[in-house]
Every structure is written in structure tokens, then in C-alpha cells.
Amino acid sequence: MGARAYLLVNVMDGVKHREFIKILQELENTLEVDFVDPVVGDYDLVIMIEAPVTVQCVAQKIAEQPWVANLSVLKMTSLLERHKPIKSLSISVTEGQ
């Protein structure tokens, strides 16, 4: 098992319904994506990813998509790692890239 994380994504306001469905399908077909769910609330999508070594590369690849307004990473850890210091993942997203 590699590194796992949840990505919390805000989609750009201008994304139409058909485009949103296409985005979901493309994400579901991405090798590292375990699942993607549209949600209601502070975010538009929750994506769970698993990467062989690091989730940062996968998160950055998704963050660079033109439809992403904001992306937050919640790295999953084992109970034994919970009390170890965790280096914060820094993913920069510029709106409208």
C-alpha cells in the first residue's frame, strides 16, 4: 500500500453540468484515484487517491487542471504515525490557470 489522501476540491464557478460530468469520468479513470464523489458544502468534490510513494505529485497534477479553483490535501496516516510530526503538503493553485 502506498501513500493515501483525500483531496477536497472547489471547482471553478463557470463549469457547466456536462463538463462537470466529464471531469468526474476523467478523474475516475485516473490510475491513482480510488474514488471521486461530488459533495454539497464547502467543497464540490472529494477525491481519494493512493500513490506508490507520495500523494503530492498526484495532487499537484489535479490542482493544475483549469477547472480547479482550490484544492486541499488531507493525508491519511496509520494510528501509529498519528503522533509523529507530519510535514504539511504545499499545493499551490492559482485561480484561472
PDB file of N, CA and C in Angstrom:
ATOM      1  N   MET A   1       0.838  -1.179   0.000  1.00  0.00           N
ATOM      2  CA  MET A   1       0.000   0.000   0.000  1.00  0.00           C
ATOM      3  C   MET A   1       0.880   1.237   0.000  1.00  0.00           C
ATOM      4  N   GLY A   2       0.562   2.208  -0.844  1.00  0.00           N
ATOM      5  CA  GLY A   2       1.306   3.446  -0.914  1.00  0.00           C
ATOM      6  C   GLY A   2       0.708   4.502  -0.006  1.00  0.00           C
ATOM      7  N   ALA A   3       1.060   5.743  -0.276  1.00  0.00           N
ATOM      8  CA  ALA A   3       0.517   6.873   0.472  1.00  0.00           C
ATOM      9  C   ALA A   3      -0.912   7.137   0.010  1.00  0.00           C
ATOM     10  N   ARG A   4      -1.784   7.469   0.964  1.00  0.00           N
ATOM     11  CA  ARG A   4      -3.187   7.730   0.633  1.00  0.00           C
ATOM     12  C   ARG A   4      -3.584   9.102   1.162  1.00  0.00           C
ATOM     13  N   ALA A   5      -4.540   9.727   0.459  1.00  0.00           N
ATOM     14  CA  ALA A   5      -5.015  11.045   0.888  1.00  0.00           C
ATOM     15  C   ALA A   5      -6.391  11.316   0.312  1.00  0.00           C
ATOM     16  N   TYR A   6      -7.100  12.211   0.981  1.00  0.00           N
ATOM     17  CA  TYR A   6      -8.333  12.767   0.442  1.00  0.00           C
ATOM     18  C   TYR A   6      -7.995  14.135  -0.122  1.00  0.00           C
ATOM     19  N   LEU A   7      -8.504  14.428  -1.300  1.00  0.00           N
ATOM     20  CA  LEU A   7      -8.365  15.756  -1.887  1.00  0.00           C
ATOM     21  C   LEU A   7      -9.737  16.411  -1.838  1.00  0.00           C
ATOM     22  N   LEU A   8      -9.792  17.608  -1.285  1.00  0.00           N
ATOM     23  CA  LEU A   8     -11.026  18.382  -1.211  1.00  0.00           C
ATOM     24  C   LEU A   8     -10.916  19.472  -2.256  1.00  0.00           C
ATOM     25  N   VAL A   9     -11.829  19.474  -3.226  1.00  0.00           N
ATOM     26  CA  VAL A   9     -11.678  20.322  -4.409  1.00  0.00           C
ATOM     27  C   VAL A   9     -12.868  21.262  -4.580  1.00  0.00           C
ATOM     28  N   ASN A  10     -12.550  22.530  -4.838  1.00  0.00           N
ATOM     29  CA  ASN A  10     -13.545  23.501  -5.295  1.00  0.00           C
ATOM     30  C   ASN A  10     -13.385  23.636  -6.797  1.00  0.00           C
ATOM     31  N   VAL A  11     -14.482  23.504  -7.523  1.00  0.00           N
ATOM     32  CA  VAL A  11     -14.484  23.620  -8.979  1.00  0.00           C
ATOM     33  C   VAL A  11     -14.795  25.067  -9.348  1.00  0.00           C
ATOM     34  N   MET A  12     -14.186  25.536 -10.426  1.00  0.00           N
ATOM     35  CA  MET A  12     -14.435  26.903 -10.896  1.00  0.00           C
ATOM     36  C   MET A  12     -15.932  27.114 -11.119  1.00  0.00           C
ATOM     37  N   ASP A  13     -16.417  28.318 -10.824  1.00  0.00           N
ATOM     38  CA  ASP A  13     -17.844  28.633 -10.938  1.00  0.00           C
ATOM     39  C   ASP A  13     -18.400  28.461 -12.348  1.00  0.00           C
ATOM     40  N   GLY A  14     -17.596  28.684 -13.376  1.00  0.00           N
ATOM     41  CA  GLY A  14     -18.086  28.643 -14.746  1.00  0.00           C
ATOM     42  C   GLY A  14     -18.254  27.254 -15.344  1.00  0.00           C
ATOM     43  N   VAL A  15     -17.935  26.195 -14.599  1.00  0.00           N
ATOM     44  CA  VAL A  15     -18.019  24.833 -15.131  1.00  0.00           C
ATOM     45  C   VAL A  15     -19.489  24.428 -15.272  1.00  0.00           C
ATOM     46  N   LYS A  16     -19.870  24.044 -16.483  1.00  0.00           N
ATOM     47  CA  LYS A  16     -21.244  23.620 -16.786  1.00  0.00           C
ATOM     48  C   LYS A  16     -21.455  22.155 -16.388  1.00  0.00           C
ATOM     49  N   HIS A  17     -22.716  21.732 -16.326  1.00  0.00           N
ATOM     50  CA  HIS A  17     -23.077  20.387 -15.868  1.00  0.00           C
ATOM     51  C   HIS A  17     -22.400  19.288 -16.694  1.00  0.00           C
ATOM     52  N   ARG A  18     -22.457  19.388 -18.028  1.00  0.00           N
ATOM     53  CA  ARG A  18     -21.832  18.362 -18.889  1.00  0.00           C
ATOM     54  C   ARG A  18     -20.324  18.286 -18.662  1.00  0.00           C
ATOM     55  N   GLU A  19     -19.697  19.452 -18.530  1.00  0.00           N
ATOM     56  CA  GLU A  19     -18.254  19.487 -18.290  1.00  0.00           C
ATOM     57  C   GLU A  19     -17.933  18.860 -16.931  1.00  0.00           C
ATOM     58  N   PHE A  20     -18.767  19.124 -15.928  1.00  0.00           N
ATOM     59  CA  PHE A  20     -18.579  18.561 -14.594  1.00  0.00           C
ATOM     60  C   PHE A  20     -18.639  17.029 -14.645  1.00  0.00           C
ATOM     61  N   ILE A  21     -19.588  16.489 -15.387  1.00  0.00           N
ATOM     62  CA  ILE A  21     -19.702  15.033 -15.539  1.00  0.00           C
ATOM     63  C   ILE A  21     -18.465  14.469 -16.233  1.00  0.00           C
ATOM     64  N   LYS A  22     -17.973  15.166 -17.255  1.00  0.00           N
ATOM     65  CA  LYS A  22     -16.756  14.733 -17.957  1.00  0.00           C
ATOM     66  C   LYS A  22     -15.558  14.736 -17.002  1.00  0.00           C
ATOM     67  N   ILE A  23     -15.472  15.760 -16.162  1.00  0.00           N
ATOM     68  CA  ILE A  23     -14.391  15.846 -15.167  1.00  0.00           C
ATOM     69  C   ILE A  23     -14.453  14.640 -14.231  1.00  0.00           C
ATOM     70  N   LEU A  24     -15.650  14.313 -13.738  1.00  0.00           N
ATOM     71  CA  LEU A  24     -15.815  13.154 -12.851  1.00  0.00           C
ATOM     72  C   LEU A  24     -15.358  11.870 -13.537  1.00  0.00           C
ATOM     73  N   GLN A  25     -15.746  11.690 -14.799  1.00  0.00           N
ATOM     74  CA  GLN A  25     -15.367  10.484 -15.543  1.00  0.00           C
ATOM     75  C   GLN A  25     -13.856  10.407 -15.744  1.00  0.00           C
ATOM     76  N   GLU A  26     -13.228  11.537 -16.077  1.00  0.00           N
ATOM     77  CA  GLU A  26     -11.774  11.548 -16.268  1.00  0.00           C
ATOM     78  C   GLU A  26     -11.055  11.225 -14.967  1.00  0.00           C
ATOM     79  N   LEU A  27     -11.533  11.787 -13.863  1.00  0.00           N
ATOM     80  CA  LEU A  27     -10.911  11.502 -12.568  1.00  0.00           C
ATOM     81  C   LEU A  27     -11.070  10.029 -12.196  1.00  0.00           C
ATOM     82  N   GLU A  28     -12.256   9.475 -12.421  1.00  0.00           N
ATOM     83  CA  GLU A  28     -12.496   8.064 -12.108  1.00  0.00           C
ATOM     84  C   GLU A  28     -11.600   7.138 -12.925  1.00  0.00           C
ATOM     85  N   ASN A  29     -11.178   7.568 -14.103  1.00  0.00           N
ATOM     86  CA  ASN A  29     -10.300   6.769 -14.959  1.00  0.00           C
ATOM     87  C   ASN A  29      -8.821   7.006 -14.684  1.00  0.00           C
ATOM     88  N   THR A  30      -8.504   7.867 -13.736  1.00  0.00           N
ATOM     89  CA  THR A  30      -7.117   8.135 -13.362  1.00  0.00           C
ATOM     90  C   THR A  30      -6.623   7.007 -12.462  1.00  0.00           C
ATOM     91  N   LEU A  31      -5.478   6.444 -12.786  1.00  0.00           N
ATOM     92  CA  LEU A  31      -4.944   5.269 -12.098  1.00  0.00           C
ATOM     93  C   LEU A  31      -4.884   5.442 -10.580  1.00  0.00           C
ATOM     94  N   GLU A  32      -4.411   6.576 -10.100  1.00  0.00           N
ATOM     95  CA  GLU A  32      -4.205   6.774  -8.662  1.00  0.00           C
ATOM     96  C   GLU A  32      -5.490   7.104  -7.901  1.00  0.00           C
ATOM     97  N   VAL A  33      -6.570   7.374  -8.603  1.00  0.00           N
ATOM     98  CA  VAL A  33      -7.829   7.759  -7.953  1.00  0.00           C
ATOM     99  C   VAL A  33      -8.617   6.507  -7.569  1.00  0.00           C
ATOM    100  N   ASP A  34      -8.875   6.350  -6.262  1.00  0.00           N
ATOM    101  CA  ASP A  34      -9.704   5.238  -5.781  1.00  0.00           C
ATOM    102  C   ASP A  34     -11.179   5.553  -5.971  1.00  0.00           C
ATOM    103  N   PHE A  35     -11.577   6.774  -5.642  1.00  0.00           N
ATOM    104  CA  PHE A  35     -12.949   7.199  -5.893  1.00  0.00           C
ATOM    105  C   PHE A  35     -13.024   8.714  -5.943  1.00  0.00           C
ATOM    106  N   VAL A  36     -14.072   9.204  -6.583  1.00  0.00           N
ATOM    107  CA  VAL A  36     -14.365  10.638  -6.633  1.00  0.00           C
ATOM    108  C   VAL A  36     -15.865  10.796  -6.414  1.00  0.00           C
ATOM    109  N   ASP A  37     -16.222  11.681  -5.483  1.00  0.00           N
ATOM    110  CA  ASP A  37     -17.633  11.913  -5.182  1.00  0.00           C
ATOM    111  C   ASP A  37     -17.938  13.404  -5.197  1.00  0.00           C
ATOM    112  N   PRO A  38     -18.994  13.810  -5.913  1.00  0.00           N
ATOM    113  CA  PRO A  38     -19.454  15.190  -5.797  1.00  0.00           C
ATOM    114  C   PRO A  38     -20.122  15.351  -4.429  1.00  0.00           C
ATOM    115  N   VAL A  39     -19.902  16.492  -3.795  1.00  0.00           N
ATOM    116  CA  VAL A  39     -20.466  16.743  -2.466  1.00  0.00           C
ATOM    117  C   VAL A  39     -21.089  18.131  -2.414  1.00  0.00           C
ATOM    118  N   VAL A  40     -21.917  18.352  -1.411  1.00  0.00           N
ATOM    119  CA  VAL A  40     -22.536  19.650  -1.169  1.00  0.00           C
ATOM    120  C   VAL A  40     -21.930  20.206   0.110  1.00  0.00           C
ATOM    121  N   GLY A  41     -21.546  21.469   0.089  1.00  0.00           N
ATOM    122  CA  GLY A  41     -20.955  22.091   1.273  1.00  0.00           C
ATOM    123  C   GLY A  41     -19.818  22.999   0.870  1.00  0.00           C
ATOM    124  N   ASP A  42     -18.758  23.004   1.672  1.00  0.00           N
ATOM    125  CA  ASP A  42     -17.616  23.880   1.420  1.00  0.00           C
ATOM    126  C   ASP A  42     -16.819  23.483   0.183  1.00  0.00           C
ATOM    127  N   TYR A  43     -16.941  22.240  -0.254  1.00  0.00           N
ATOM    128  CA  TYR A  43     -16.205  21.743  -1.412  1.00  0.00           C
ATOM    129  C   TYR A  43     -17.177  21.143  -2.421  1.00  0.00           C
ATOM    130  N   ASP A  44     -16.692  20.955  -3.646  1.00  0.00           N
ATOM    131  CA  ASP A  44     -17.512  20.376  -4.710  1.00  0.00           C
ATOM    132  C   ASP A  44     -17.214  18.900  -4.948  1.00  0.00           C
ATOM    133  N   LEU A  45     -15.971  18.490  -4.683  1.00  0.00           N
ATOM    134  CA  LEU A  45     -15.547  17.104  -4.911  1.00  0.00           C
ATOM    135  C   LEU A  45     -14.700  16.606  -3.752  1.00  0.00           C
ATOM    136  N   VAL A  46     -14.844  15.329  -3.441  1.00  0.00           N
ATOM    137  CA  VAL A  46     -13.919  14.630  -2.554  1.00  0.00           C
ATOM    138  C   VAL A  46     -13.316  13.515  -3.390  1.00  0.00           C
ATOM    139  N   ILE A  47     -11.987  13.500  -3.453  1.00  0.00           N
ATOM    140  CA  ILE A  47     -11.271  12.500  -4.243  1.00  0.00           C
ATOM    141  C   ILE A  47     -10.345  11.741  -3.298  1.00  0.00           C
ATOM    142  N   MET A  48     -10.401  10.417  -3.317  1.00  0.00           N
ATOM    143  CA  MET A  48      -9.438   9.641  -2.549  1.00  0.00           C
ATOM    144  C   MET A  48      -8.408   9.083  -3.514  1.00  0.00           C
ATOM    145  N   ILE A  49      -7.141   9.331  -3.202  1.00  0.00           N
ATOM    146  CA  ILE A  49      -6.064   8.857  -4.065  1.00  0.00           C
ATOM    147  C   ILE A  49      -5.123   7.956  -3.281  1.00  0.00           C
ATOM    148  N   GLU A  50      -4.462   7.082  -4.014  1.00  0.00           N
ATOM    149  CA  GLU A  50      -3.393   6.264  -3.463  1.00  0.00           C
ATOM    150  C   GLU A  50      -2.262   6.278  -4.471  1.00  0.00           C
ATOM    151  N   ALA A  51      -1.086   6.673  -4.003  1.00  0.00           N
ATOM    152  CA  ALA A  51       0.080   6.773  -4.877  1.00  0.00           C
ATOM    153  C   ALA A  51       1.186   5.876  -4.323  1.00  0.00           C
ATOM    154  N   PRO A  52       2.018   5.300  -5.195  1.00  0.00           N
ATOM    155  CA  PRO A  52       3.062   4.382  -4.746  1.00  0.00           C
ATOM    156  C   PRO A  52       4.016   4.988  -3.716  1.00  0.00           C
ATOM    157  N   VAL A  53       4.388   6.245  -3.880  1.00  0.00           N
ATOM    158  CA  VAL A  53       5.358   6.858  -2.980  1.00  0.00           C
ATOM    159  C   VAL A  53       4.790   8.098  -2.291  1.00  0.00           C
ATOM    160  N   THR A  54       4.312   9.063  -3.064  1.00  0.00           N
ATOM    161  CA  THR A  54       3.833  10.315  -2.492  1.00  0.00           C
ATOM    162  C   THR A  54       2.553  10.768  -3.170  1.00  0.00           C
ATOM    163  N   VAL A  55       1.674  11.360  -2.399  1.00  0.00           N
ATOM    164  CA  VAL A  55       0.428  11.879  -2.960  1.00  0.00           C
ATOM    165  C   VAL A  55       0.618  13.274  -3.541  1.00  0.00           C
ATOM    166  N   GLN A  56       1.711  13.929  -3.191  1.00  0.00           N
ATOM    167  CA  GLN A  56       1.917  15.314  -3.617  1.00  0.00           C
ATOM    168  C   GLN A  56       1.944  15.452  -5.137  1.00  0.00           C
ATOM    169  N   CYS A  57       2.583  14.536  -5.826  1.00  0.00           N
ATOM    170  CA  CYS A  57       2.667  14.592  -7.290  1.00  0.00           C
ATOM    171  C   CYS A  57       1.278  14.474  -7.919  1.00  0.00           C
ATOM    172  N   VAL A  58       0.477  13.538  -7.421  1.00  0.00           N
ATOM    173  CA  VAL A  58      -0.877  13.348  -7.950  1.00  0.00           C
ATOM    174  C   VAL A  58      -1.737  14.566  -7.637  1.00  0.00           C
ATOM    175  N   ALA A  59      -1.635  15.075  -6.410  1.00  0.00           N
ATOM    176  CA  ALA A  59      -2.411  16.253  -6.014  1.00  0.00           C
ATOM    177  C   ALA A  59      -2.043  17.459  -6.871  1.00  0.00           C
ATOM    178  N   GLN A  60      -0.759  17.635  -7.142  1.00  0.00           N
ATOM    179  CA  GLN A  60      -0.318  18.764  -7.967  1.00  0.00           C
ATOM    180  C   GLN A  60      -0.862  18.637  -9.387  1.00  0.00           C
ATOM    181  N   LYS A  61      -0.860  17.414  -9.925  1.00  0.00           N
ATOM    182  CA  LYS A  61      -1.382  17.169 -11.279  1.00  0.00           C
ATOM    183  C   LYS A  61      -2.865  17.551 -11.367  1.00  0.00           C
ATOM    184  N   ILE A  62      -3.636  17.195 -10.354  1.00  0.00           N
ATOM    185  CA  ILE A  62      -5.056  17.552 -10.335  1.00  0.00           C
ATOM    186  C   ILE A  62      -5.224  19.047 -10.102  1.00  0.00           C
ATOM    187  N   ALA A  63      -4.427  19.623  -9.210  1.00  0.00           N
ATOM    188  CA  ALA A  63      -4.526  21.057  -8.900  1.00  0.00           C
ATOM    189  C   ALA A  63      -4.257  21.932 -10.117  1.00  0.00           C
ATOM    190  N   GLU A  64      -3.463  21.448 -11.054  1.00  0.00           N
ATOM    191  CA  GLU A  64      -3.116  22.230 -12.244  1.00  0.00           C
ATOM    192  C   GLU A  64      -4.199  22.219 -13.319  1.00  0.00           C
ATOM    193  N   GLN A  65      -5.264  21.449 -13.123  1.00  0.00           N
ATOM    194  CA  GLN A  65      -6.349  21.413 -14.108  1.00  0.00           C
ATOM    195  C   GLN A  65      -7.059  22.769 -14.143  1.00  0.00           C
ATOM    196  N   PRO A  66      -7.482  23.220 -15.313  1.00  0.00           N
ATOM    197  CA  PRO A  66      -8.078  24.558 -15.429  1.00  0.00           C
ATOM    198  C   PRO A  66      -9.399  24.711 -14.686  1.00  0.00           C
ATOM    199  N   TRP A  67     -10.058  23.627 -14.351  1.00  0.00           N
ATOM    200  CA  TRP A  67     -11.342  23.694 -13.654  1.00  0.00           C
ATOM    201  C   TRP A  67     -11.206  23.742 -12.139  1.00  0.00           C
ATOM    202  N   VAL A  68      -9.979  23.620 -11.609  1.00  0.00           N
ATOM    203  CA  VAL A  68      -9.766  23.623 -10.158  1.00  0.00           C
ATOM    204  C   VAL A  68      -9.594  25.052  -9.655  1.00  0.00           C
ATOM    205  N   ALA A  69     -10.467  25.452  -8.726  1.00  0.00           N
ATOM    206  CA  ALA A  69     -10.349  26.761  -8.089  1.00  0.00           C
ATOM    207  C   ALA A  69      -9.509  26.664  -6.822  1.00  0.00           C
ATOM    208  N   ASN A  70      -9.624  25.551  -6.095  1.00  0.00           N
ATOM    209  CA  ASN A  70      -8.903  25.365  -4.842  1.00  0.00           C
ATOM    210  C   ASN A  70      -8.810  23.868  -4.563  1.00  0.00           C
ATOM    211  N   LEU A  71      -7.702  23.450  -3.946  1.00  0.00           N
ATOM    212  CA  LEU A  71      -7.514  22.044  -3.607  1.00  0.00           C
ATOM    213  C   LEU A  71      -6.824  21.951  -2.254  1.00  0.00           C
ATOM    214  N   SER A  72      -7.375  21.147  -1.356  1.00  0.00           N
ATOM    215  CA  SER A  72      -6.758  20.882  -0.055  1.00  0.00           C
ATOM    216  C   SER A  72      -6.449  19.396   0.036  1.00  0.00           C
ATOM    217  N   VAL A  73      -5.350  19.061   0.716  1.00  0.00           N
ATOM    218  CA  VAL A  73      -4.917  17.673   0.851  1.00  0.00           C
ATOM    219  C   VAL A  73      -5.045  17.243   2.308  1.00  0.00           C
ATOM    220  N   LEU A  74      -5.728  16.128   2.531  1.00  0.00           N
ATOM    221  CA  LEU A  74      -5.789  15.503   3.851  1.00  0.00           C
ATOM    222  C   LEU A  74      -5.081  14.164   3.741  1.00  0.00           C
ATOM    223  N   LYS A  75      -3.826  14.105   4.222  1.00  0.00           N
ATOM    224  CA  LYS A  75      -3.041  12.878   4.125  1.00  0.00           C
ATOM    225  C   LYS A  75      -3.501  11.896   5.193  1.00  0.00           C
ATOM    226  N   MET A  76      -3.708  10.649   4.788  1.00  0.00           N
ATOM    227  CA  MET A  76      -4.127   9.607   5.725  1.00  0.00           C
ATOM    228  C   MET A  76      -2.887   8.959   6.326  1.00  0.00           C
ATOM    229  N   THR A  77      -2.933   8.724   7.641  1.00  0.00           N
ATOM    230  CA  THR A  77      -1.815   8.092   8.333  1.00  0.00           C
ATOM    231  C   THR A  77      -2.335   6.920   9.148  1.00  0.00           C
ATOM    232  N   SER A  78      -1.428   6.044   9.513  1.00  0.00           N
ATOM    233  CA  SER A  78      -1.817   4.943  10.394  1.00  0.00           C
ATOM    234  C   SER A  78      -1.907   5.474  11.816  1.00  0.00           C
ATOM    235  N   LEU A  79      -2.565   4.742  12.674  1.00  0.00           N
ATOM    236  CA  LEU A  79      -2.700   5.139  14.066  1.00  0.00           C
ATOM    237  C   LEU A  79      -1.336   5.297  14.718  1.00  0.00           C
ATOM    238  N   LEU A  80      -0.365   4.465  14.325  1.00  0.00           N
ATOM    239  CA  LEU A  80       0.973   4.532  14.898  1.00  0.00           C
ATOM    240  C   LEU A  80       1.708   5.796  14.482  1.00  0.00           C
ATOM    241  N   GLU A  81       1.408   6.321  13.302  1.00  0.00           N
ATOM    242  CA  GLU A  81       2.069   7.530  12.815  1.00  0.00           C
ATOM    243  C   GLU A  81       1.379   8.800  13.293  1.00  0.00           C
ATOM    244  N   ARG A  82       0.234   8.657  13.897  1.00  0.00           N
ATOM    245  CA  ARG A  82      -0.597   9.817  14.216  1.00  0.00           C
ATOM    246  C   ARG A  82       0.135  10.866  15.042  1.00  0.00           C
ATOM    247  N   HIS A  83       0.972  10.451  15.962  1.00  0.00           N
ATOM    248  CA  HIS A  83       1.626  11.405  16.846  1.00  0.00           C
ATOM    249  C   HIS A  83       2.997  11.856  16.362  1.00  0.00           C
ATOM    250  N   LYS A  84       3.410  11.373  15.202  1.00  0.00           N
ATOM    251  CA  LYS A  84       4.649  11.859  14.600  1.00  0.00           C
ATOM    252  C   LYS A  84       4.362  13.189  13.913  1.00  0.00           C
ATOM    253  N   PRO A  85       5.336  14.098  13.888  1.00  0.00           N
ATOM    254  CA  PRO A  85       5.116  15.333  13.123  1.00  0.00           C
ATOM    255  C   PRO A  85       4.932  15.005  11.645  1.00  0.00           C
ATOM    256  N   ILE A  86       3.930  15.597  11.024  1.00  0.00           N
ATOM    257  CA  ILE A  86       3.658  15.371   9.607  1.00  0.00           C
ATOM    258  C   ILE A  86       3.991  16.641   8.848  1.00  0.00           C
ATOM    259  N   LYS A  87       4.860  16.509   7.863  1.00  0.00           N
ATOM    260  CA  LYS A  87       5.204  17.655   7.030  1.00  0.00           C
ATOM    261  C   LYS A  87       3.977  18.054   6.214  1.00  0.00           C
ATOM    262  N   SER A  88       3.643  19.305   6.268  1.00  0.00           N
ATOM    263  CA  SER A  88       2.482  19.807   5.535  1.00  0.00           C
ATOM    264  C   SER A  88       2.745  19.748   4.040  1.00  0.00           C
ATOM    265  N   LEU A  89       1.746  19.297   3.281  1.00  0.00           N
ATOM    266  CA  LEU A  89       1.857  19.283   1.831  1.00  0.00           C
ATOM    267  C   LEU A  89       1.473  20.644   1.299  1.00  0.00           C
ATOM    268  N   SER A  90       2.322  21.202   0.508  1.00  0.00           N
ATOM    269  CA  SER A  90       2.064  22.520  -0.058  1.00  0.00           C
ATOM    270  C   SER A  90       1.695  22.369  -1.526  1.00  0.00           C
ATOM    271  N   ILE A  91       0.441  22.655  -1.847  1.00  0.00           N
ATOM    272  CA  ILE A  91      -0.040  22.602  -3.224  1.00  0.00           C
ATOM    273  C   ILE A  91      -0.507  23.999  -3.576  1.00  0.00           C
ATOM    274  N   SER A  92       0.136  24.587  -4.573  1.00  0.00           N
ATOM    275  CA  SER A  92      -0.259  25.941  -4.952  1.00  0.00           C
ATOM    276  C   SER A  92      -1.182  25.891  -6.159  1.00  0.00           C
ATOM    277  N   VAL A  93      -2.272  26.629  -6.048  1.00  0.00           N
ATOM    278  CA  VAL A  93      -3.244  26.718  -7.129  1.00  0.00           C
ATOM    279  C   VAL A  93      -3.525  28.182  -7.371  1.00  0.00           C
ATOM    280  N   THR A  94      -3.374  28.603  -8.615  1.00  0.00           N
ATOM    281  CA  THR A  94      -3.724  29.958  -8.991  1.00  0.00           C
ATOM    282  C   THR A  94      -5.012  29.888  -9.775  1.00  0.00           C
ATOM    283  N   GLU A  95      -6.031  30.596  -9.285  1.00  0.00           N
ATOM    284  CA  GLU A  95      -7.340  30.548  -9.934  1.00  0.00           C
ATOM    285  C   GLU A  95      -7.221  31.001 -11.374  1.00  0.00           C
ATOM    286  N   GLY A  96      -7.818  30.211 -12.273  1.00  0.00           N
ATOM    287  CA  GLY A  96      -7.858  30.563 -13.692  1.00  0.00           C
ATOM    288  C   GLY A  96      -6.582  30.271 -14.446  1.00  0.00           C
ATOM    289  N   GLN A  97      -5.801  29.260 -13.995  1.00  0.00           N
ATOM    290  CA  GLN A  97      -4.559  28.908 -14.705  1.00  0.00           C
ATOM    291  C   GLN A  97      -4.837  28.503 -16.114  1.00  0.00           C
TER     292      GLN A  97
END
